[in-house]
Amino acid sequence: MQLSGGSTYIISLPKNWIDELKIKVGENVTIVKNSNQSLTLYPRGRDEQKGKNIAVIKTGQQDSGDSIKRKIIAAYLAGYKTIQIKTKGIRIPVIHSKSVRELVRSTMIGTEIVESSSESILIQILTRLPELSFDTALKRMFLMASNMVREATESIEGVDISHAEEVVNMDDEVDRFGLYMRRNLVLAVENENILQDMGLRRPSDCLGYRTVISRIERIADHASLIAKRVKFIDQKIDEKTLLKIKKISEKSLEVFEKSISSVQEHNFEKGEKVAEKVREIIEEEKEIMSDVRKSERNETVIRFMLEDFRRIAEYSSDIAEVAIDENIQSIILEK
């Protein structure tokens, strides 16, 4: 580090770095101050950056439709702006083409097929990132999942199969939004500007939020399972047992909401309270299980539903642990 003219600092870079990056004398560069007090230097206006935004996936006859879909999702999560599916001199099977179109339509937010031929499909991610702060996006995902739990419980009470089927369909939307958010996290880890635009404090936050997103998806999965079990209810569940089911549903939703709040508020104490409350719900679920009589015609389906509500509470505890782990410094006295 050198001081030039009393107000300008100069730092030299190794020649092999410059040669490797192909930076020329007089070319503009950007230096970004990161949240961890490090500095990142970016070449600007480089045409080669476009190449890094294109993922080419080559497929052959031996590749299954599911394999192609997994590769597309992985490229989407990796942050590529364009994904091209190419065959090795053969036509893309119609079933594969339909599978890719369905995946783009139903799973990946802000994504369109912009070109298509017998040997190539070009997928473009059009959404500008990020369009939402991460807290806003997280709240929206939470609301979708919590509504699923609430409506699944309502469908139990009236043995409403059509209502239950609507809840099952909602699960796809939660998964779709979760995929979009995980993509944002990958981009935020790699780019300090995106991290700040999303309202995150440091790259390590992305690890915790990835856990939170996966747990919300699992909660939505269990809400979907509860709804799917409605069609197996032989007759209306007796009022006493139904009341217990509704109460454990309410308590599971309560800890779910508080776990999300503890993460968004960076509140260690609130996360601790959620973890304690979840233990109480687990014990209560065991008591209800033991009270369900074997003479009850719906015994099996009730037991499965109670287990689903318990799992919702346990996943909420996992979310609260993120708040606990991320904010442990707030209660530590350093010497």
Protein backbone atom coordinates (compact mmCIF):
# COMPACT_ATOMS: atom_id res chain seq x y z
CA MET A 1 0.00 0.00 0.00
CA GLN A 2 1.38 3.39 -1.04
CA LEU A 3 0.22 6.96 -0.42
CA SER A 4 0.26 9.25 -3.47
CA GLY A 5 -0.26 13.00 -3.28
CA GLY A 6 -1.39 12.92 0.33
CA SER A 7 -4.96 11.74 -0.40
CA THR A 8 -4.78 8.76 -2.79
CA TYR A 9 -3.80 5.23 -1.86
CA ILE A 10 -2.31 2.91 -4.47
CA ILE A 11 -2.09 -0.88 -4.32
CA SER A 12 -0.31 -3.06 -6.87
CA LEU A 13 -1.66 -6.36 -8.20
CA PRO A 14 0.45 -9.37 -9.23
CA LYS A 15 1.10 -9.51 -12.98
CA ASN A 16 -0.12 -13.12 -13.26
CA TRP A 17 -3.52 -12.08 -11.84
CA ILE A 18 -3.88 -9.37 -14.46
CA ASP A 19 -2.81 -11.72 -17.25
CA GLU A 20 -5.23 -14.40 -16.09
CA LEU A 21 -8.16 -11.96 -16.00
CA LYS A 22 -7.02 -10.32 -19.27
CA ILE A 23 -7.31 -6.81 -17.84
CA LYS A 24 -5.67 -4.19 -20.04
CA VAL A 25 -4.07 -0.87 -19.10
CA GLY A 26 -6.71 1.89 -19.04
CA GLU A 27 -9.60 -0.55 -18.57
CA ASN A 28 -12.20 0.29 -15.92
CA VAL A 29 -12.58 -1.89 -12.84
CA THR A 30 -14.98 -1.79 -9.88
CA ILE A 31 -13.92 -2.24 -6.24
CA VAL A 32 -16.67 -3.20 -3.78
CA LYS A 33 -16.37 -2.96 0.01
CA ASN A 34 -17.93 -6.11 1.47
CA SER A 35 -19.79 -6.47 4.76
CA ASN A 36 -16.93 -8.57 6.19
CA GLN A 37 -14.50 -5.65 5.63
CA SER A 38 -12.90 -7.29 2.59
CA LEU A 39 -12.62 -5.73 -0.88
CA THR A 40 -13.67 -7.33 -4.18
CA LEU A 41 -12.37 -6.16 -7.54
CA TYR A 42 -14.51 -6.70 -10.68
CA PRO A 43 -13.52 -6.10 -14.33
CA ARG A 44 -16.22 -3.95 -15.98
CA GLY A 45 -17.76 -4.07 -19.44
CA ARG A 46 -16.40 -7.50 -20.24
CA ASP A 47 -18.08 -9.41 -23.08
CA GLU A 48 -16.97 -12.70 -21.58
CA GLN A 49 -19.29 -12.15 -18.63
CA LYS A 50 -22.14 -13.02 -20.99
CA GLY A 51 -20.67 -16.46 -21.57
CA LYS A 52 -20.79 -17.20 -17.86
CA ASN A 53 -24.52 -16.56 -17.92
CA ILE A 54 -25.25 -19.35 -20.43
CA ALA A 55 -25.54 -22.98 -19.32
CA VAL A 56 -25.56 -25.54 -22.16
CA ILE A 57 -26.98 -28.93 -21.19
CA LYS A 58 -26.34 -31.69 -23.73
CA THR A 59 -28.70 -34.66 -23.70
CA GLY A 60 -28.83 -38.02 -25.40
CA GLN A 61 -31.29 -40.86 -25.86
CA GLN A 62 -30.09 -42.47 -22.64
CA ASP A 63 -31.13 -39.43 -20.56
CA SER A 64 -34.50 -39.63 -18.81
CA GLY A 65 -36.95 -36.75 -18.62
CA ASP A 66 -36.42 -36.51 -14.86
CA SER A 67 -32.65 -36.31 -15.36
CA ILE A 68 -33.04 -33.38 -17.78
CA LYS A 69 -35.39 -31.60 -15.36
CA ARG A 70 -32.91 -32.02 -12.50
CA LYS A 71 -30.13 -30.51 -14.62
CA ILE A 72 -32.32 -27.53 -15.60
CA ILE A 73 -33.28 -26.85 -11.97
CA ALA A 74 -29.63 -27.11 -10.89
CA ALA A 75 -28.62 -24.56 -13.57
CA TYR A 76 -31.49 -22.28 -12.52
CA LEU A 77 -30.39 -22.44 -8.87
CA ALA A 78 -26.78 -21.80 -9.89
CA GLY A 79 -27.88 -18.38 -11.17
CA TYR A 80 -27.56 -18.79 -14.96
CA LYS A 81 -29.60 -16.31 -17.01
CA THR A 82 -29.93 -18.59 -20.05
CA ILE A 83 -30.22 -22.37 -20.16
CA GLN A 84 -29.94 -24.24 -23.46
CA ILE A 85 -30.95 -27.87 -23.91
CA LYS A 86 -29.13 -29.44 -26.89
CA THR A 87 -29.15 -32.95 -28.26
CA LYS A 88 -26.19 -34.75 -29.78
CA GLY A 89 -27.34 -34.75 -33.41
CA ILE A 90 -30.79 -36.24 -32.76
CA ARG A 91 -34.29 -34.87 -32.31
CA ILE A 92 -35.46 -34.05 -28.80
CA PRO A 93 -38.06 -36.69 -27.88
CA VAL A 94 -41.58 -35.22 -27.71
CA ILE A 95 -42.03 -36.48 -24.15
CA HIS A 96 -38.84 -34.64 -23.09
CA SER A 97 -39.92 -31.46 -24.82
CA LYS A 98 -43.30 -31.55 -23.07
CA SER A 99 -41.59 -32.26 -19.74
CA VAL A 100 -39.30 -29.23 -20.12
CA ARG A 101 -42.21 -26.96 -21.07
CA GLU A 102 -44.23 -28.10 -18.05
CA LEU A 103 -41.25 -27.56 -15.76
CA VAL A 104 -40.72 -24.00 -17.03
CA ARG A 105 -44.43 -23.18 -16.79
CA SER A 106 -45.10 -24.58 -13.33
CA THR A 107 -41.83 -24.51 -11.41
CA MET A 108 -39.46 -21.67 -12.30
CA ILE A 109 -40.61 -18.09 -11.63
CA GLY A 110 -39.79 -15.51 -14.31
CA THR A 111 -38.68 -18.10 -16.86
CA GLU A 112 -39.74 -18.50 -20.50
CA ILE A 113 -38.84 -20.68 -23.48
CA VAL A 114 -37.69 -18.12 -26.07
CA GLU A 115 -36.46 -20.48 -28.80
CA SER A 116 -37.32 -24.04 -29.67
CA SER A 117 -36.27 -26.39 -32.47
CA SER A 118 -36.07 -30.13 -33.03
CA GLU A 119 -32.57 -30.22 -31.51
CA SER A 120 -32.51 -27.30 -29.08
CA ILE A 121 -34.62 -25.53 -26.44
CA LEU A 122 -33.53 -22.13 -25.14
CA ILE A 123 -34.78 -21.07 -21.71
CA GLN A 124 -34.42 -17.45 -20.63
CA ILE A 125 -34.70 -16.24 -17.01
CA LEU A 126 -36.37 -12.85 -17.44
CA THR A 127 -36.93 -11.86 -13.81
CA ARG A 128 -34.67 -9.10 -12.53
CA LEU A 129 -33.14 -10.00 -9.19
CA PRO A 130 -34.00 -9.18 -6.56
CA GLU A 131 -37.50 -7.76 -7.00
CA LEU A 132 -38.37 -8.25 -3.31
CA SER A 133 -36.43 -7.74 -0.12
CA PHE A 134 -35.72 -11.12 1.42
CA ASP A 135 -37.87 -10.39 4.49
CA THR A 136 -40.84 -9.60 2.24
CA ALA A 137 -40.29 -12.72 0.16
CA LEU A 138 -39.93 -14.85 3.30
CA LYS A 139 -43.15 -13.44 4.75
CA ARG A 140 -44.99 -14.20 1.52
CA MET A 141 -43.76 -17.79 1.52
CA PHE A 142 -44.71 -18.17 5.18
CA LEU A 143 -48.24 -16.88 4.50
CA MET A 144 -48.72 -19.39 1.68
CA ALA A 145 -47.60 -22.31 3.86
CA SER A 146 -49.55 -21.22 6.95
CA ASN A 147 -52.72 -20.80 4.86
CA MET A 148 -52.24 -24.37 3.65
CA VAL A 149 -52.11 -25.66 7.25
CA ARG A 150 -55.14 -23.59 8.23
CA GLU A 151 -57.25 -24.65 5.26
CA ALA A 152 -56.20 -28.29 5.56
CA THR A 153 -57.53 -28.22 9.14
CA GLU A 154 -60.81 -26.68 7.95
CA SER A 155 -61.20 -29.44 5.35
CA ILE A 156 -60.87 -32.06 8.14
CA GLU A 157 -63.75 -30.55 10.08
CA GLY A 158 -66.19 -30.71 7.18
CA VAL A 159 -64.61 -33.73 5.46
CA ASP A 160 -64.49 -31.42 2.44
CA ILE A 161 -62.56 -33.32 -0.23
CA SER A 162 -62.76 -30.56 -2.88
CA HIS A 163 -61.37 -28.03 -0.38
CA ALA A 164 -58.61 -30.48 0.52
CA GLU A 165 -57.67 -30.88 -3.15
CA GLU A 166 -57.26 -27.09 -3.44
CA VAL A 167 -54.80 -27.21 -0.53
CA VAL A 168 -52.78 -29.93 -2.27
CA ASN A 169 -52.55 -27.75 -5.40
CA MET A 170 -51.22 -24.85 -3.31
CA ASP A 171 -48.10 -26.89 -2.48
CA ASP A 172 -46.74 -26.40 -6.02
CA GLU A 173 -46.82 -22.62 -5.56
CA VAL A 174 -44.83 -22.83 -2.31
CA ASP A 175 -42.20 -25.05 -3.98
CA ARG A 176 -42.04 -22.67 -6.95
CA PHE A 177 -41.46 -19.66 -4.72
CA GLY A 178 -38.91 -21.58 -2.64
CA LEU A 179 -36.91 -22.42 -5.76
CA TYR A 180 -36.88 -18.75 -6.75
CA MET A 181 -35.66 -17.70 -3.29
CA ARG A 182 -32.88 -20.29 -3.24
CA ARG A 183 -31.71 -18.96 -6.61
CA ASN A 184 -31.57 -15.46 -5.09
CA LEU A 185 -29.49 -16.74 -2.19
CA VAL A 186 -26.92 -18.29 -4.53
CA LEU A 187 -26.60 -14.98 -6.38
CA ALA A 188 -26.37 -13.06 -3.09
CA VAL A 189 -23.46 -15.19 -1.87
CA GLU A 190 -21.55 -14.39 -5.06
CA ASN A 191 -22.46 -10.71 -5.34
CA GLU A 192 -22.29 -8.20 -2.48
CA ASN A 193 -24.57 -5.76 -4.30
CA ILE A 194 -27.38 -8.34 -4.56
CA LEU A 195 -26.82 -9.26 -0.91
CA GLN A 196 -27.36 -5.66 0.15
CA ASP A 197 -30.33 -5.17 -2.21
CA MET A 198 -32.00 -8.19 -0.62
CA GLY A 199 -31.57 -6.66 2.82
CA LEU A 200 -29.20 -9.36 4.13
CA ARG A 201 -26.37 -8.42 6.48
CA ARG A 202 -23.60 -10.83 5.49
CA PRO A 203 -23.01 -13.81 3.17
CA SER A 204 -23.25 -16.27 6.09
CA ASP A 205 -26.93 -15.27 6.50
CA CYS A 206 -27.62 -17.10 3.24
CA LEU A 207 -26.82 -20.46 4.88
CA GLY A 208 -29.40 -19.93 7.61
CA TYR A 209 -32.04 -18.65 5.22
CA ARG A 210 -31.56 -21.66 2.97
CA THR A 211 -32.44 -23.84 5.97
CA VAL A 212 -35.49 -21.67 6.70
CA ILE A 213 -36.74 -21.98 3.11
CA SER A 214 -36.36 -25.77 3.07
CA ARG A 215 -38.26 -26.06 6.38
CA ILE A 216 -41.13 -23.91 5.09
CA GLU A 217 -41.32 -26.18 2.04
CA ARG A 218 -41.47 -29.23 4.33
CA ILE A 219 -44.23 -27.61 6.42
CA ALA A 220 -46.21 -27.05 3.22
CA ASP A 221 -45.59 -30.71 2.29
CA HIS A 222 -47.11 -31.86 5.59
CA ALA A 223 -50.09 -29.53 5.15
CA SER A 224 -50.56 -31.17 1.75
CA LEU A 225 -50.35 -34.62 3.35
CA ILE A 226 -53.01 -33.66 5.90
CA ALA A 227 -55.28 -32.53 3.07
CA LYS A 228 -54.65 -35.76 1.13
CA ARG A 229 -55.71 -37.80 4.16
CA VAL A 230 -59.15 -36.15 4.28
CA LYS A 231 -60.50 -38.50 1.59
CA PHE A 232 -59.71 -41.45 3.88
CA ILE A 233 -61.93 -40.18 6.69
CA ASP A 234 -64.68 -42.78 6.93
CA GLN A 235 -67.16 -40.52 8.68
CA LYS A 236 -67.05 -37.26 10.59
CA ILE A 237 -64.59 -37.35 13.45
CA ASP A 238 -66.22 -37.08 16.89
CA GLU A 239 -66.33 -33.55 18.34
CA LYS A 240 -64.01 -34.25 21.27
CA THR A 241 -61.21 -35.63 19.07
CA LEU A 242 -61.79 -32.95 16.43
CA LEU A 243 -61.37 -30.22 19.06
CA LYS A 244 -58.00 -31.69 20.07
CA ILE A 245 -56.88 -31.80 16.44
CA LYS A 246 -57.87 -28.15 15.94
CA LYS A 247 -56.01 -27.10 19.09
CA ILE A 248 -52.77 -28.81 18.09
CA SER A 249 -53.15 -27.27 14.64
CA GLU A 250 -53.48 -23.79 16.17
CA LYS A 251 -50.44 -24.35 18.39
CA SER A 252 -48.36 -25.60 15.46
CA LEU A 253 -49.31 -22.50 13.46
CA GLU A 254 -48.47 -20.30 16.43
CA VAL A 255 -44.92 -21.63 16.78
CA PHE A 256 -44.50 -21.48 13.00
CA GLU A 257 -45.39 -17.78 12.98
CA LYS A 258 -43.18 -16.99 15.97
CA SER A 259 -40.25 -18.90 14.48
CA ILE A 260 -40.41 -16.76 11.34
CA SER A 261 -40.65 -13.61 13.48
CA SER A 262 -37.60 -14.66 15.49
CA VAL A 263 -35.58 -14.97 12.28
CA GLN A 264 -36.79 -11.70 10.78
CA GLU A 265 -36.30 -9.79 14.03
CA HIS A 266 -32.91 -11.44 14.73
CA ASN A 267 -34.33 -12.25 18.16
CA PHE A 268 -32.44 -14.89 20.15
CA GLU A 269 -34.91 -14.94 23.07
CA LYS A 270 -37.95 -15.42 20.84
CA GLY A 271 -36.22 -18.33 19.12
CA GLU A 272 -35.57 -19.92 22.51
CA LYS A 273 -39.23 -19.58 23.50
CA VAL A 274 -40.32 -21.26 20.27
CA ALA A 275 -38.00 -24.22 20.93
CA GLU A 276 -39.47 -24.63 24.43
CA LYS A 277 -43.04 -24.38 23.13
CA VAL A 278 -42.40 -27.04 20.49
CA ARG A 279 -41.38 -29.50 23.19
CA GLU A 280 -44.76 -28.94 24.85
CA ILE A 281 -46.58 -29.58 21.57
CA ILE A 282 -44.69 -32.85 21.08
CA GLU A 283 -45.76 -34.04 24.54
CA GLU A 284 -49.35 -32.98 23.88
CA GLU A 285 -49.34 -34.89 20.58
CA LYS A 286 -48.24 -38.04 22.44
CA GLU A 287 -51.09 -37.63 24.94
CA ILE A 288 -53.67 -37.23 22.18
CA MET A 289 -52.25 -40.27 20.40
CA SER A 290 -52.72 -42.38 23.51
CA ASP A 291 -56.30 -41.14 23.89
CA VAL A 292 -57.32 -42.11 20.35
CA ARG A 293 -59.26 -45.31 20.83
CA LYS A 294 -58.71 -48.30 18.64
CA SER A 295 -62.47 -48.50 18.30
CA GLU A 296 -62.39 -45.13 16.53
CA ARG A 297 -63.12 -45.82 12.85
CA ASN A 298 -60.73 -43.08 11.78
CA GLU A 299 -57.96 -44.08 14.18
CA THR A 300 -55.26 -44.61 11.54
CA VAL A 301 -55.89 -41.40 9.60
CA ILE A 302 -56.10 -39.38 12.85
CA ARG A 303 -52.75 -40.73 14.01
CA PHE A 304 -51.14 -39.81 10.69
CA MET A 305 -52.62 -36.30 10.85
CA LEU A 306 -51.39 -35.77 14.41
CA GLU A 307 -47.93 -36.84 13.31
CA ASP A 308 -48.08 -34.27 10.48
CA PHE A 309 -48.95 -31.48 12.92
CA ARG A 310 -46.09 -32.58 15.18
CA ARG A 311 -43.69 -32.45 12.24
CA ILE A 312 -44.89 -28.93 11.41
CA ALA A 313 -44.00 -27.89 14.96
CA GLU A 314 -40.61 -29.62 14.77
CA TYR A 315 -39.75 -27.87 11.51
CA SER A 316 -40.73 -24.59 13.17
CA SER A 317 -38.20 -25.43 15.87
CA ASP A 318 -35.54 -25.85 13.15
CA ILE A 319 -36.39 -22.36 11.89
CA ALA A 320 -36.14 -20.94 15.41
CA GLU A 321 -32.72 -22.56 15.78
CA VAL A 322 -31.51 -20.46 12.85
CA ALA A 323 -32.46 -17.33 14.85
CA ILE A 324 -30.69 -18.77 17.90
CA ASP A 325 -27.51 -19.69 16.00
CA GLU A 326 -27.33 -16.45 14.02
CA ASN A 327 -27.82 -14.23 17.07
CA ILE A 328 -25.86 -16.00 19.80
CA GLN A 329 -23.53 -12.98 20.01
CA SER A 330 -26.38 -10.94 21.48
CA ILE A 331 -26.15 -12.88 24.76
CA ILE A 332 -22.44 -13.70 24.92
CA LEU A 333 -20.22 -11.64 27.19
CA GLU A 334 -16.76 -11.59 25.67
CA LYS A 335 -13.66 -11.15 27.85
